Amino acid sequence: MSAGSTDTGSMDAGDFAAWIRSTAGRVSADAERLTRLDAAIGDGDHGLNLDRGFRAAVEALPEDAPPGKVLIVAGRAIVSKTGGASGPLYGTVLRRAGKSFGDAAGVDAAALGAALRAALEGVQDLGKAAEGDKTMVDALAPAVAAYEAALADGSDLAGCARAAAEAASKGADGTVPMRARKGRASYLGERSEGHMDPGASSTALVLEALADTAGEG
């Protein structure tokens, strides 16, 4: 986190750029696994598409911009370069979060929690998915809830982000026995059971990168 962190921690534009870079590296390293997950119940291109999108986001990262602008620009780049449903969804995550920051130069624990809530609401507005549908919402929703619970318990930003990452990972694991009710996987019916949702898995990667970035410094 930034040198100017408060008692509960804060993140600046450099931290958010580092988060995007870290996510891009993790997605690239895991692209084949994500694509295999998607091949089982979807189009078979989730890892490759997301890799291309986050690479574009890294290339688009602006200099001398506030945290909100960093995320909005990254989100736009992902939308422009990522095929399928994942581009608009991940673009929405970053743009809704970025917009919630306004022009603030620093983001504290409460503001990051509000941004994650805004991101979740954006994804649900766009995809019309609820928990239990076997989508990225099954990782993102428990992550947001865990973040907010940790914040209410007095955790600092890094602690809240770690709680969110752990909940997202658990949520992704929880999609394995689910029967898909949204997206292409829903056409498979009971044959969608027994597979982890690729969107939930990549969401866990994104939040793990956030927790590691927030914990640095």
Foldseek 3Di string as FASTA:
>chain_A
DDPPADPQGKDFQVLLLQLLVQLLVVLQVCLQVLLVLCVQQHDSRVSVLQNQLSVQLNVQQDPPATNLVSLQRSLVSQLVRGDDPVSPLSSLLSNQLSVLCPRDRMGWLVSNLVSLVSSLVSNCVVFVDDQLQQALNLLSVQLSVQLVVCVVVPHGNLVSLVSSLVSLVVSQVVSQQGQHDGDRSNVVGNSSHRGGRSRSVSSSSSSVSSSVSRPDD
